[in-house]
Amino acid sequence: MHNFKELKVWKAAMEISKSVFIATRLFPSEEKFTLISQMMRSAISIPSNIAEGCGRKSNKEFYQYLNISLGSSFELETQLILAKEFRYISDSNFTPLQTQIIEVQRMITGLQKSLNT
């Protein structure tokens, strides 16, 4: 078992969730139950699955939860790109958030490699 609150990747994923919450405040209200909701679910799923995986008894199980977290990060990245294409998010907000997501993807992949499953 790992202490998720001490993991840099969990902390970085939490920052993404906060950034998405802030960014989606500027989206049109008609997106509340569609893109905003989907982005928030994906963003929250990233640190949540890291935390849940930390509570598992084996590295193999932890690895699987990291896979789910990684998948959620790619979902979020796709949704972020759509938001940019719909012009719901500016380049100045898009770029740092995309950078955060890519960094967390790298961190998750690195953590998976360190588990030696």
PDB file of N, CA and C in Angstrom:
ATOM      1  N   MET A   1       0.827  -1.191   0.000  1.00  0.00           N
ATOM      2  CA  MET A   1       0.000   0.000   0.000  1.00  0.00           C
ATOM      3  C   MET A   1       0.871   1.254   0.000  1.00  0.00           C
ATOM      4  N   HIS A   2       0.389   2.266  -0.667  1.00  0.00           N
ATOM      5  CA  HIS A   2       1.099   3.533  -0.782  1.00  0.00           C
ATOM      6  C   HIS A   2       0.249   4.635  -0.149  1.00  0.00           C
ATOM      7  N   ASN A   3       0.892   5.672   0.348  1.00  0.00           N
ATOM      8  CA  ASN A   3       0.166   6.824   0.861  1.00  0.00           C
ATOM      9  C   ASN A   3      -0.033   7.798  -0.294  1.00  0.00           C
ATOM     10  N   PHE A   4      -1.237   7.829  -0.835  1.00  0.00           N
ATOM     11  CA  PHE A   4      -1.493   8.632  -2.037  1.00  0.00           C
ATOM     12  C   PHE A   4      -1.222  10.116  -1.822  1.00  0.00           C
ATOM     13  N   LYS A   5      -1.429  10.608  -0.607  1.00  0.00           N
ATOM     14  CA  LYS A   5      -1.247  12.039  -0.345  1.00  0.00           C
ATOM     15  C   LYS A   5       0.213  12.478  -0.443  1.00  0.00           C
ATOM     16  N   GLU A   6       1.119  11.513  -0.437  1.00  0.00           N
ATOM     17  CA  GLU A   6       2.547  11.824  -0.562  1.00  0.00           C
ATOM     18  C   GLU A   6       3.056  11.717  -1.995  1.00  0.00           C
ATOM     19  N   LEU A   7       2.238  11.202  -2.889  1.00  0.00           N
ATOM     20  CA  LEU A   7       2.661  11.014  -4.283  1.00  0.00           C
ATOM     21  C   LEU A   7       2.589  12.325  -5.065  1.00  0.00           C
ATOM     22  N   LYS A   8       3.677  12.667  -5.733  1.00  0.00           N
ATOM     23  CA  LYS A   8       3.711  13.878  -6.557  1.00  0.00           C
ATOM     24  C   LYS A   8       2.670  13.815  -7.670  1.00  0.00           C
ATOM     25  N   VAL A   9       2.466  12.636  -8.219  1.00  0.00           N
ATOM     26  CA  VAL A   9       1.509  12.485  -9.312  1.00  0.00           C
ATOM     27  C   VAL A   9       0.084  12.753  -8.822  1.00  0.00           C
ATOM     28  N   TRP A  10      -0.250  12.328  -7.622  1.00  0.00           N
ATOM     29  CA  TRP A  10      -1.576  12.595  -7.067  1.00  0.00           C
ATOM     30  C   TRP A  10      -1.752  14.104  -6.854  1.00  0.00           C
ATOM     31  N   LYS A  11      -0.726  14.743  -6.299  1.00  0.00           N
ATOM     32  CA  LYS A  11      -0.786  16.190  -6.067  1.00  0.00           C
ATOM     33  C   LYS A  11      -0.958  16.948  -7.387  1.00  0.00           C
ATOM     34  N   ALA A  12      -0.231  16.530  -8.403  1.00  0.00           N
ATOM     35  CA  ALA A  12      -0.329  17.177  -9.714  1.00  0.00           C
ATOM     36  C   ALA A  12      -1.717  16.958 -10.323  1.00  0.00           C
ATOM     37  N   ALA A  13      -2.260  15.771 -10.138  1.00  0.00           N
ATOM     38  CA  ALA A  13      -3.605  15.462 -10.650  1.00  0.00           C
ATOM     39  C   ALA A  13      -4.663  16.290  -9.925  1.00  0.00           C
ATOM     40  N   MET A  14      -4.471  16.520  -8.644  1.00  0.00           N
ATOM     41  CA  MET A  14      -5.389  17.376  -7.886  1.00  0.00           C
ATOM     42  C   MET A  14      -5.361  18.804  -8.439  1.00  0.00           C
ATOM     43  N   GLU A  15      -4.180  19.272  -8.806  1.00  0.00           N
ATOM     44  CA  GLU A  15      -4.057  20.615  -9.384  1.00  0.00           C
ATOM     45  C   GLU A  15      -4.804  20.707 -10.714  1.00  0.00           C
ATOM     46  N   ILE A  16      -4.754  19.637 -11.489  1.00  0.00           N
ATOM     47  CA  ILE A  16      -5.505  19.612 -12.754  1.00  0.00           C
ATOM     48  C   ILE A  16      -6.996  19.745 -12.474  1.00  0.00           C
ATOM     49  N   SER A  17      -7.492  19.011 -11.490  1.00  0.00           N
ATOM     50  CA  SER A  17      -8.917  19.089 -11.152  1.00  0.00           C
ATOM     51  C   SER A  17      -9.310  20.517 -10.803  1.00  0.00           C
ATOM     52  N   LYS A  18      -8.477  21.181 -10.016  1.00  0.00           N
ATOM     53  CA  LYS A  18      -8.753  22.570  -9.645  1.00  0.00           C
ATOM     54  C   LYS A  18      -8.727  23.475 -10.878  1.00  0.00           C
ATOM     55  N   SER A  19      -7.749  23.272 -11.743  1.00  0.00           N
ATOM     56  CA  SER A  19      -7.627  24.091 -12.961  1.00  0.00           C
ATOM     57  C   SER A  19      -8.830  23.910 -13.876  1.00  0.00           C
ATOM     58  N   VAL A  20      -9.304  22.683 -14.006  1.00  0.00           N
ATOM     59  CA  VAL A  20     -10.468  22.409 -14.858  1.00  0.00           C
ATOM     60  C   VAL A  20     -11.706  23.081 -14.264  1.00  0.00           C
ATOM     61  N   PHE A  21     -11.860  22.992 -12.962  1.00  0.00           N
ATOM     62  CA  PHE A  21     -12.997  23.645 -12.307  1.00  0.00           C
ATOM     63  C   PHE A  21     -12.999  25.137 -12.608  1.00  0.00           C
ATOM     64  N   ILE A  22     -11.851  25.766 -12.490  1.00  0.00           N
ATOM     65  CA  ILE A  22     -11.736  27.207 -12.748  1.00  0.00           C
ATOM     66  C   ILE A  22     -11.991  27.519 -14.226  1.00  0.00           C
ATOM     67  N   ALA A  23     -11.387  26.734 -15.116  1.00  0.00           N
ATOM     68  CA  ALA A  23     -11.519  26.992 -16.560  1.00  0.00           C
ATOM     69  C   ALA A  23     -12.957  26.830 -17.042  1.00  0.00           C
ATOM     70  N   THR A  24     -13.658  25.837 -16.528  1.00  0.00           N
ATOM     71  CA  THR A  24     -15.020  25.584 -17.015  1.00  0.00           C
ATOM     72  C   THR A  24     -16.039  26.599 -16.502  1.00  0.00           C
ATOM     73  N   ARG A  25     -15.666  27.392 -15.524  1.00  0.00           N
ATOM     74  CA  ARG A  25     -16.566  28.466 -15.054  1.00  0.00           C
ATOM     75  C   ARG A  25     -16.867  29.461 -16.162  1.00  0.00           C
ATOM     76  N   LEU A  26     -15.956  29.563 -17.124  1.00  0.00           N
ATOM     77  CA  LEU A  26     -16.109  30.523 -18.213  1.00  0.00           C
ATOM     78  C   LEU A  26     -16.871  29.955 -19.411  1.00  0.00           C
ATOM     79  N   PHE A  27     -17.206  28.670 -19.378  1.00  0.00           N
ATOM     80  CA  PHE A  27     -17.914  28.039 -20.485  1.00  0.00           C
ATOM     81  C   PHE A  27     -19.367  28.523 -20.508  1.00  0.00           C
ATOM     82  N   PRO A  28     -20.018  28.439 -21.657  1.00  0.00           N
ATOM     83  CA  PRO A  28     -21.436  28.806 -21.730  1.00  0.00           C
ATOM     84  C   PRO A  28     -22.283  27.923 -20.798  1.00  0.00           C
ATOM     85  N   SER A  29     -23.313  28.489 -20.234  1.00  0.00           N
ATOM     86  CA  SER A  29     -24.148  27.750 -19.274  1.00  0.00           C
ATOM     87  C   SER A  29     -24.824  26.532 -19.903  1.00  0.00           C
ATOM     88  N   GLU A  30     -25.063  26.572 -21.209  1.00  0.00           N
ATOM     89  CA  GLU A  30     -25.709  25.410 -21.844  1.00  0.00           C
ATOM     90  C   GLU A  30     -24.802  24.175 -21.876  1.00  0.00           C
ATOM     91  N   GLU A  31     -23.525  24.357 -21.572  1.00  0.00           N
ATOM     92  CA  GLU A  31     -22.589  23.230 -21.521  1.00  0.00           C
ATOM     93  C   GLU A  31     -22.531  22.591 -20.123  1.00  0.00           C
ATOM     94  N   LYS A  32     -23.319  23.115 -19.193  1.00  0.00           N
ATOM     95  CA  LYS A  32     -23.266  22.637 -17.800  1.00  0.00           C
ATOM     96  C   LYS A  32     -23.444  21.126 -17.696  1.00  0.00           C
ATOM     97  N   PHE A  33     -24.371  20.557 -18.444  1.00  0.00           N
ATOM     98  CA  PHE A  33     -24.667  19.135 -18.332  1.00  0.00           C
ATOM     99  C   PHE A  33     -24.010  18.302 -19.422  1.00  0.00           C
ATOM    100  N   THR A  34     -23.178  18.932 -20.230  1.00  0.00           N
ATOM    101  CA  THR A  34     -22.500  18.178 -21.291  1.00  0.00           C
ATOM    102  C   THR A  34     -20.996  18.264 -21.101  1.00  0.00           C
ATOM    103  N   LEU A  35     -20.349  19.167 -21.795  1.00  0.00           N
ATOM    104  CA  LEU A  35     -18.884  19.212 -21.788  1.00  0.00           C
ATOM    105  C   LEU A  35     -18.319  19.541 -20.398  1.00  0.00           C
ATOM    106  N   ILE A  36     -18.921  20.481 -19.692  1.00  0.00           N
ATOM    107  CA  ILE A  36     -18.421  20.818 -18.349  1.00  0.00           C
ATOM    108  C   ILE A  36     -18.496  19.601 -17.443  1.00  0.00           C
ATOM    109  N   SER A  37     -19.632  18.949 -17.442  1.00  0.00           N
ATOM    110  CA  SER A  37     -19.827  17.768 -16.597  1.00  0.00           C
ATOM    111  C   SER A  37     -18.830  16.667 -16.955  1.00  0.00           C
ATOM    112  N   GLN A  38     -18.651  16.439 -18.241  1.00  0.00           N
ATOM    113  CA  GLN A  38     -17.739  15.398 -18.704  1.00  0.00           C
ATOM    114  C   GLN A  38     -16.296  15.719 -18.321  1.00  0.00           C
ATOM    115  N   MET A  39     -15.905  16.975 -18.480  1.00  0.00           N
ATOM    116  CA  MET A  39     -14.539  17.375 -18.137  1.00  0.00           C
ATOM    117  C   MET A  39     -14.293  17.247 -16.632  1.00  0.00           C
ATOM    118  N   MET A  40     -15.273  17.637 -15.846  1.00  0.00           N
ATOM    119  CA  MET A  40     -15.107  17.531 -14.396  1.00  0.00           C
ATOM    120  C   MET A  40     -14.992  16.064 -13.972  1.00  0.00           C
ATOM    121  N   ARG A  41     -15.815  15.203 -14.556  1.00  0.00           N
ATOM    122  CA  ARG A  41     -15.738  13.765 -14.215  1.00  0.00           C
ATOM    123  C   ARG A  41     -14.374  13.190 -14.578  1.00  0.00           C
ATOM    124  N   SER A  42     -13.884  13.538 -15.756  1.00  0.00           N
ATOM    125  CA  SER A  42     -12.573  13.037 -16.179  1.00  0.00           C
ATOM    126  C   SER A  42     -11.470  13.568 -15.269  1.00  0.00           C
ATOM    127  N   ALA A  43     -11.531  14.862 -14.968  1.00  0.00           N
ATOM    128  CA  ALA A  43     -10.497  15.484 -14.129  1.00  0.00           C
ATOM    129  C   ALA A  43     -10.486  14.886 -12.731  1.00  0.00           C
ATOM    130  N   ILE A  44     -11.658  14.673 -12.161  1.00  0.00           N
ATOM    131  CA  ILE A  44     -11.758  14.113 -10.813  1.00  0.00           C
ATOM    132  C   ILE A  44     -11.336  12.645 -10.794  1.00  0.00           C
ATOM    133  N   SER A  45     -11.567  11.960 -11.887  1.00  0.00           N
ATOM    134  CA  SER A  45     -11.213  10.539 -11.986  1.00  0.00           C
ATOM    135  C   SER A  45      -9.709  10.300 -11.903  1.00  0.00           C
ATOM    136  N   ILE A  46      -8.920  11.248 -12.368  1.00  0.00           N
ATOM    137  CA  ILE A  46      -7.469  11.055 -12.401  1.00  0.00           C
ATOM    138  C   ILE A  46      -6.905  10.883 -10.991  1.00  0.00           C
ATOM    139  N   PRO A  47      -7.053  11.853 -10.078  1.00  0.00           N
ATOM    140  CA  PRO A  47      -6.509  11.647  -8.734  1.00  0.00           C
ATOM    141  C   PRO A  47      -7.284  10.598  -7.939  1.00  0.00           C
ATOM    142  N   SER A  48      -8.574  10.462  -8.218  1.00  0.00           N
ATOM    143  CA  SER A  48      -9.389   9.486  -7.482  1.00  0.00           C
ATOM    144  C   SER A  48      -8.906   8.060  -7.727  1.00  0.00           C
ATOM    145  N   ASN A  49      -8.593   7.740  -8.977  1.00  0.00           N
ATOM    146  CA  ASN A  49      -8.120   6.387  -9.283  1.00  0.00           C
ATOM    147  C   ASN A  49      -6.708   6.142  -8.784  1.00  0.00           C
ATOM    148  N   ILE A  50      -5.895   7.183  -8.758  1.00  0.00           N
ATOM    149  CA  ILE A  50      -4.561   7.043  -8.160  1.00  0.00           C
ATOM    150  C   ILE A  50      -4.727   6.707  -6.681  1.00  0.00           C
ATOM    151  N   ALA A  51      -5.599   7.447  -5.999  1.00  0.00           N
ATOM    152  CA  ALA A  51      -5.834   7.213  -4.572  1.00  0.00           C
ATOM    153  C   ALA A  51      -6.406   5.822  -4.332  1.00  0.00           C
ATOM    154  N   GLU A  52      -7.384   5.426  -5.132  1.00  0.00           N
ATOM    155  CA  GLU A  52      -7.984   4.106  -4.938  1.00  0.00           C
ATOM    156  C   GLU A  52      -6.961   2.997  -5.170  1.00  0.00           C
ATOM    157  N   GLY A  53      -6.138   3.165  -6.183  1.00  0.00           N
ATOM    158  CA  GLY A  53      -5.099   2.172  -6.465  1.00  0.00           C
ATOM    159  C   GLY A  53      -4.105   2.041  -5.327  1.00  0.00           C
ATOM    160  N   CYS A  54      -3.826   3.153  -4.659  1.00  0.00           N
ATOM    161  CA  CYS A  54      -2.900   3.119  -3.517  1.00  0.00           C
ATOM    162  C   CYS A  54      -3.422   2.248  -2.390  1.00  0.00           C
ATOM    163  N   GLY A  55      -4.716   2.113  -2.306  1.00  0.00           N
ATOM    164  CA  GLY A  55      -5.321   1.309  -1.244  1.00  0.00           C
ATOM    165  C   GLY A  55      -5.379  -0.174  -1.564  1.00  0.00           C
ATOM    166  N   ARG A  56      -4.969  -0.551  -2.728  1.00  0.00           N
ATOM    167  CA  ARG A  56      -5.004  -1.968  -3.116  1.00  0.00           C
ATOM    168  C   ARG A  56      -3.792  -2.702  -2.556  1.00  0.00           C
ATOM    169  N   LYS A  57      -3.922  -4.010  -2.478  1.00  0.00           N
ATOM    170  CA  LYS A  57      -2.903  -4.809  -1.791  1.00  0.00           C
ATOM    171  C   LYS A  57      -1.731  -5.203  -2.659  1.00  0.00           C
ATOM    172  N   SER A  58      -1.890  -5.129  -3.962  1.00  0.00           N
ATOM    173  CA  SER A  58      -0.782  -5.557  -4.823  1.00  0.00           C
ATOM    174  C   SER A  58      -0.430  -4.466  -5.833  1.00  0.00           C
ATOM    175  N   ASN A  59       0.801  -4.508  -6.301  1.00  0.00           N
ATOM    176  CA  ASN A  59       1.240  -3.573  -7.330  1.00  0.00           C
ATOM    177  C   ASN A  59       0.484  -3.796  -8.633  1.00  0.00           C
ATOM    178  N   LYS A  60       0.079  -5.040  -8.878  1.00  0.00           N
ATOM    179  CA  LYS A  60      -0.677  -5.351 -10.095  1.00  0.00           C
ATOM    180  C   LYS A  60      -2.017  -4.600 -10.084  1.00  0.00           C
ATOM    181  N   GLU A  61      -2.686  -4.604  -8.939  1.00  0.00           N
ATOM    182  CA  GLU A  61      -3.948  -3.882  -8.825  1.00  0.00           C
ATOM    183  C   GLU A  61      -3.719  -2.380  -8.929  1.00  0.00           C
ATOM    184  N   PHE A  62      -2.675  -1.878  -8.258  1.00  0.00           N
ATOM    185  CA  PHE A  62      -2.331  -0.463  -8.316  1.00  0.00           C
ATOM    186  C   PHE A  62      -2.085  -0.043  -9.764  1.00  0.00           C
ATOM    187  N   TYR A  63      -1.343  -0.878 -10.499  1.00  0.00           N
ATOM    188  CA  TYR A  63      -1.043  -0.616 -11.901  1.00  0.00           C
ATOM    189  C   TYR A  63      -2.332  -0.445 -12.702  1.00  0.00           C
ATOM    190  N   GLN A  64      -3.314  -1.303 -12.451  1.00  0.00           N
ATOM    191  CA  GLN A  64      -4.581  -1.229 -13.183  1.00  0.00           C
ATOM    192  C   GLN A  64      -5.308   0.088 -12.901  1.00  0.00           C
ATOM    193  N   TYR A  65      -5.307   0.524 -11.650  1.00  0.00           N
ATOM    194  CA  TYR A  65      -5.942   1.802 -11.325  1.00  0.00           C
ATOM    195  C   TYR A  65      -5.190   2.976 -11.955  1.00  0.00           C
ATOM    196  N   LEU A  66      -3.894   2.840 -12.058  1.00  0.00           N
ATOM    197  CA  LEU A  66      -3.119   3.864 -12.767  1.00  0.00           C
ATOM    198  C   LEU A  66      -3.491   3.887 -14.243  1.00  0.00           C
ATOM    199  N   ASN A  67      -3.769   2.713 -14.814  1.00  0.00           N
ATOM    200  CA  ASN A  67      -4.239   2.640 -16.206  1.00  0.00           C
ATOM    201  C   ASN A  67      -5.545   3.404 -16.383  1.00  0.00           C
ATOM    202  N   ILE A  68      -6.456   3.219 -15.439  1.00  0.00           N
ATOM    203  CA  ILE A  68      -7.742   3.921 -15.498  1.00  0.00           C
ATOM    204  C   ILE A  68      -7.513   5.423 -15.405  1.00  0.00           C
ATOM    205  N   SER A  69      -6.644   5.826 -14.494  1.00  0.00           N
ATOM    206  CA  SER A  69      -6.303   7.232 -14.323  1.00  0.00           C
ATOM    207  C   SER A  69      -5.699   7.806 -15.602  1.00  0.00           C
ATOM    208  N   LEU A  70      -4.813   7.059 -16.213  1.00  0.00           N
ATOM    209  CA  LEU A  70      -4.191   7.485 -17.468  1.00  0.00           C
ATOM    210  C   LEU A  70      -5.246   7.654 -18.560  1.00  0.00           C
ATOM    211  N   GLY A  71      -6.158   6.694 -18.643  1.00  0.00           N
ATOM    212  CA  GLY A  71      -7.244   6.797 -19.624  1.00  0.00           C
ATOM    213  C   GLY A  71      -8.083   8.046 -19.409  1.00  0.00           C
ATOM    214  N   SER A  72      -8.368   8.348 -18.152  1.00  0.00           N
ATOM    215  CA  SER A  72      -9.140   9.555 -17.839  1.00  0.00           C
ATOM    216  C   SER A  72      -8.385  10.815 -18.244  1.00  0.00           C
ATOM    217  N   SER A  73      -7.067  10.785 -18.124  1.00  0.00           N
ATOM    218  CA  SER A  73      -6.274  11.956 -18.519  1.00  0.00           C
ATOM    219  C   SER A  73      -6.344  12.173 -20.027  1.00  0.00           C
ATOM    220  N   PHE A  74      -6.379  11.095 -20.794  1.00  0.00           N
ATOM    221  CA  PHE A  74      -6.500  11.236 -22.252  1.00  0.00           C
ATOM    222  C   PHE A  74      -7.910  11.693 -22.640  1.00  0.00           C
ATOM    223  N   GLU A  75      -8.924  11.219 -21.898  1.00  0.00           N
ATOM    224  CA  GLU A  75     -10.280  11.723 -22.115  1.00  0.00           C
ATOM    225  C   GLU A  75     -10.318  13.225 -21.882  1.00  0.00           C
ATOM    226  N   LEU A  76      -9.745  13.648 -20.762  1.00  0.00           N
ATOM    227  CA  LEU A  76      -9.746  15.068 -20.421  1.00  0.00           C
ATOM    228  C   LEU A  76      -8.998  15.887 -21.467  1.00  0.00           C
ATOM    229  N   GLU A  77      -7.886  15.374 -21.932  1.00  0.00           N
ATOM    230  CA  GLU A  77      -7.130  16.105 -22.956  1.00  0.00           C
ATOM    231  C   GLU A  77      -7.974  16.284 -24.225  1.00  0.00           C
ATOM    232  N   THR A  78      -8.694  15.246 -24.612  1.00  0.00           N
ATOM    233  CA  THR A  78      -9.572  15.311 -25.782  1.00  0.00           C
ATOM    234  C   THR A  78     -10.673  16.344 -25.576  1.00  0.00           C
ATOM    235  N   GLN A  79     -11.277  16.332 -24.403  1.00  0.00           N
ATOM    236  CA  GLN A  79     -12.346  17.276 -24.096  1.00  0.00           C
ATOM    237  C   GLN A  79     -11.816  18.715 -24.073  1.00  0.00           C
ATOM    238  N   LEU A  80     -10.602  18.872 -23.584  1.00  0.00           N
ATOM    239  CA  LEU A  80      -9.976  20.191 -23.566  1.00  0.00           C
ATOM    240  C   LEU A  80      -9.749  20.701 -24.994  1.00  0.00           C
ATOM    241  N   ILE A  81      -9.311  19.813 -25.876  1.00  0.00           N
ATOM    242  CA  ILE A  81      -9.108  20.185 -27.280  1.00  0.00           C
ATOM    243  C   ILE A  81     -10.443  20.595 -27.913  1.00  0.00           C
ATOM    244  N   LEU A  82     -11.498  19.848 -27.603  1.00  0.00           N
ATOM    245  CA  LEU A  82     -12.828  20.219 -28.110  1.00  0.00           C
ATOM    246  C   LEU A  82     -13.251  21.593 -27.594  1.00  0.00           C
ATOM    247  N   ALA A  83     -13.013  21.839 -26.314  1.00  0.00           N
ATOM    248  CA  ALA A  83     -13.365  23.135 -25.732  1.00  0.00           C
ATOM    249  C   ALA A  83     -12.625  24.262 -26.453  1.00  0.00           C
ATOM    250  N   LYS A  84     -11.391  24.004 -26.810  1.00  0.00           N
ATOM    251  CA  LYS A  84     -10.619  25.016 -27.550  1.00  0.00           C
ATOM    252  C   LYS A  84     -11.201  25.213 -28.947  1.00  0.00           C
ATOM    253  N   GLU A  85     -11.559  24.120 -29.603  1.00  0.00           N
ATOM    254  CA  GLU A  85     -12.133  24.215 -30.951  1.00  0.00           C
ATOM    255  C   GLU A  85     -13.481  24.934 -30.941  1.00  0.00           C
ATOM    256  N   PHE A  86     -14.247  24.750 -29.849  1.00  0.00           N
ATOM    257  CA  PHE A  86     -15.527  25.453 -29.715  1.00  0.00           C
ATOM    258  C   PHE A  86     -15.344  26.893 -29.231  1.00  0.00           C
ATOM    259  N   ARG A  87     -14.087  27.247 -28.963  1.00  0.00           N
ATOM    260  CA  ARG A  87     -13.714  28.580 -28.469  1.00  0.00           C
ATOM    261  C   ARG A  87     -14.293  28.889 -27.089  1.00  0.00           C
ATOM    262  N   TYR A  88     -14.393  27.837 -26.272  1.00  0.00           N
ATOM    263  CA  TYR A  88     -14.832  28.016 -24.888  1.00  0.00           C
ATOM    264  C   TYR A  88     -13.658  28.348 -23.979  1.00  0.00           C
ATOM    265  N   ILE A  89     -12.453  28.077 -24.476  1.00  0.00           N
ATOM    266  CA  ILE A  89     -11.250  28.312 -23.681  1.00  0.00           C
ATOM    267  C   ILE A  89     -10.219  29.014 -24.558  1.00  0.00           C
ATOM    268  N   SER A  90      -9.554  29.980 -24.005  1.00  0.00           N
ATOM    269  CA  SER A  90      -8.549  30.735 -24.756  1.00  0.00           C
ATOM    270  C   SER A  90      -7.235  29.960 -24.816  1.00  0.00           C
ATOM    271  N   ASP A  91      -6.402  30.336 -25.747  1.00  0.00           N
ATOM    272  CA  ASP A  91      -5.073  29.722 -25.842  1.00  0.00           C
ATOM    273  C   ASP A  91      -4.283  29.907 -24.556  1.00  0.00           C
ATOM    274  N   SER A  92      -4.434  31.066 -23.942  1.00  0.00           N
ATOM    275  CA  SER A  92      -3.669  31.343 -22.718  1.00  0.00           C
ATOM    276  C   SER A  92      -4.116  30.468 -21.544  1.00  0.00           C
ATOM    277  N   ASN A  93      -5.341  29.964 -21.579  1.00  0.00           N
ATOM    278  CA  ASN A  93      -5.806  29.015 -20.561  1.00  0.00           C
ATOM    279  C   ASN A  93      -5.604  27.567 -21.001  1.00  0.00           C
ATOM    280  N   PHE A  94      -5.708  27.337 -22.297  1.00  0.00           N
ATOM    281  CA  PHE A  94      -5.574  25.989 -22.848  1.00  0.00           C
ATOM    282  C   PHE A  94      -4.165  25.427 -22.660  1.00  0.00           C
ATOM    283  N   THR A  95      -3.174  26.203 -23.069  1.00  0.00           N
ATOM    284  CA  THR A  95      -1.796  25.714 -23.098  1.00  0.00           C
ATOM    285  C   THR A  95      -1.280  25.247 -21.737  1.00  0.00           C
ATOM    286  N   PRO A  96      -1.429  26.023 -20.659  1.00  0.00           N
ATOM    287  CA  PRO A  96      -0.933  25.541 -19.368  1.00  0.00           C
ATOM    288  C   PRO A  96      -1.666  24.293 -18.875  1.00  0.00           C
ATOM    289  N   LEU A  97      -2.968  24.230 -19.146  1.00  0.00           N
ATOM    290  CA  LEU A  97      -3.734  23.064 -18.708  1.00  0.00           C
ATOM    291  C   LEU A  97      -3.327  21.820 -19.494  1.00  0.00           C
ATOM    292  N   GLN A  98      -3.139  21.970 -20.787  1.00  0.00           N
ATOM    293  CA  GLN A  98      -2.677  20.835 -21.584  1.00  0.00           C
ATOM    294  C   GLN A  98      -1.293  20.384 -21.116  1.00  0.00           C
ATOM    295  N   THR A  99      -0.437  21.321 -20.805  1.00  0.00           N
ATOM    296  CA  THR A  99       0.900  20.991 -20.300  1.00  0.00           C
ATOM    297  C   THR A  99       0.808  20.209 -18.994  1.00  0.00           C
ATOM    298  N   GLN A 100      -0.074  20.631 -18.104  1.00  0.00           N
ATOM    299  CA  GLN A 100      -0.283  19.908 -16.836  1.00  0.00           C
ATOM    300  C   GLN A 100      -0.736  18.474 -17.098  1.00  0.00           C
ATOM    301  N   ILE A 101      -1.660  18.323 -18.013  1.00  0.00           N
ATOM    302  CA  ILE A 101      -2.197  16.988 -18.315  1.00  0.00           C
ATOM    303  C   ILE A 101      -1.097  16.088 -18.881  1.00  0.00           C
ATOM    304  N   ILE A 102      -0.328  16.597 -19.810  1.00  0.00           N
ATOM    305  CA  ILE A 102       0.749  15.805 -20.417  1.00  0.00           C
ATOM    306  C   ILE A 102       1.778  15.412 -19.361  1.00  0.00           C
ATOM    307  N   GLU A 103       2.094  16.313 -18.463  1.00  0.00           N
ATOM    308  CA  GLU A 103       3.048  16.001 -17.393  1.00  0.00           C
ATOM    309  C   GLU A 103       2.511  14.899 -16.482  1.00  0.00           C
ATOM    310  N   VAL A 104       1.235  14.945 -16.147  1.00  0.00           N
ATOM    311  CA  VAL A 104       0.650  13.895 -15.311  1.00  0.00           C
ATOM    312  C   VAL A 104       0.638  12.567 -16.064  1.00  0.00           C
ATOM    313  N   GLN A 105       0.389  12.599 -17.352  1.00  0.00           N
ATOM    314  CA  GLN A 105       0.443  11.367 -18.148  1.00  0.00           C
ATOM    315  C   GLN A 105       1.838  10.742 -18.062  1.00  0.00           C
ATOM    316  N   ARG A 106       2.861  11.566 -18.165  1.00  0.00           N
ATOM    317  CA  ARG A 106       4.244  11.072 -18.049  1.00  0.00           C
ATOM    318  C   ARG A 106       4.511  10.517 -16.651  1.00  0.00           C
ATOM    319  N   MET A 107       4.022  11.211 -15.644  1.00  0.00           N
ATOM    320  CA  MET A 107       4.240  10.779 -14.268  1.00  0.00           C
ATOM    321  C   MET A 107       3.552   9.442 -13.988  1.00  0.00           C
ATOM    322  N   ILE A 108       2.336   9.286 -14.488  1.00  0.00           N
ATOM    323  CA  ILE A 108       1.608   8.024 -14.299  1.00  0.00           C
ATOM    324  C   ILE A 108       2.358   6.886 -14.981  1.00  0.00           C
ATOM    325  N   THR A 109       2.789   7.125 -16.204  1.00  0.00           N
ATOM    326  CA  THR A 109       3.530   6.103 -16.947  1.00  0.00           C
ATOM    327  C   THR A 109       4.828   5.741 -16.226  1.00  0.00           C
ATOM    328  N   GLY A 110       5.522   6.726 -15.709  1.00  0.00           N
ATOM    329  CA  GLY A 110       6.753   6.473 -14.948  1.00  0.00           C
ATOM    330  C   GLY A 110       6.487   5.668 -13.693  1.00  0.00           C
ATOM    331  N   LEU A 111       5.411   5.997 -12.996  1.00  0.00           N
ATOM    332  CA  LEU A 111       5.058   5.243 -11.789  1.00  0.00           C
ATOM    333  C   LEU A 111       4.708   3.805 -12.143  1.00  0.00           C
ATOM    334  N   GLN A 112       3.990   3.621 -13.233  1.00  0.00           N
ATOM    335  CA  GLN A 112       3.674   2.261 -13.670  1.00  0.00           C
ATOM    336  C   GLN A 112       4.952   1.452 -13.934  1.00  0.00           C
ATOM    337  N   LYS A 113       5.911   2.068 -14.606  1.00  0.00           N
ATOM    338  CA  LYS A 113       7.177   1.368 -14.895  1.00  0.00           C
ATOM    339  C   LYS A 113       7.915   0.995 -13.618  1.00  0.00           C
ATOM    340  N   SER A 114       7.803   1.833 -12.602  1.00  0.00           N
ATOM    341  CA  SER A 114       8.517   1.565 -11.349  1.00  0.00           C
ATOM    342  C   SER A 114       7.885   0.428 -10.549  1.00  0.00           C
ATOM    343  N   LEU A 115       6.646   0.072 -10.876  1.00  0.00           N
ATOM    344  CA  LEU A 115       5.966  -0.997 -10.134  1.00  0.00           C
ATOM    345  C   LEU A 115       6.426  -2.387 -10.532  1.00  0.00           C
ATOM    346  N   ASN A 116       7.068  -2.500 -11.693  1.00  0.00           N
ATOM    347  CA  ASN A 116       7.597  -3.788 -12.188  1.00  0.00           C
ATOM    348  C   ASN A 116       6.562  -4.909 -12.137  1.00  0.00           C
ATOM    349  N   THR A 117       5.422  -4.689 -12.780  1.00  0.00           N
ATOM    350  CA  THR A 117       4.384  -5.727 -12.789  1.00  0.00           C
ATOM    351  C   THR A 117       4.468  -6.564 -14.029  1.00  0.00           C
TER     352      THR A 117
END
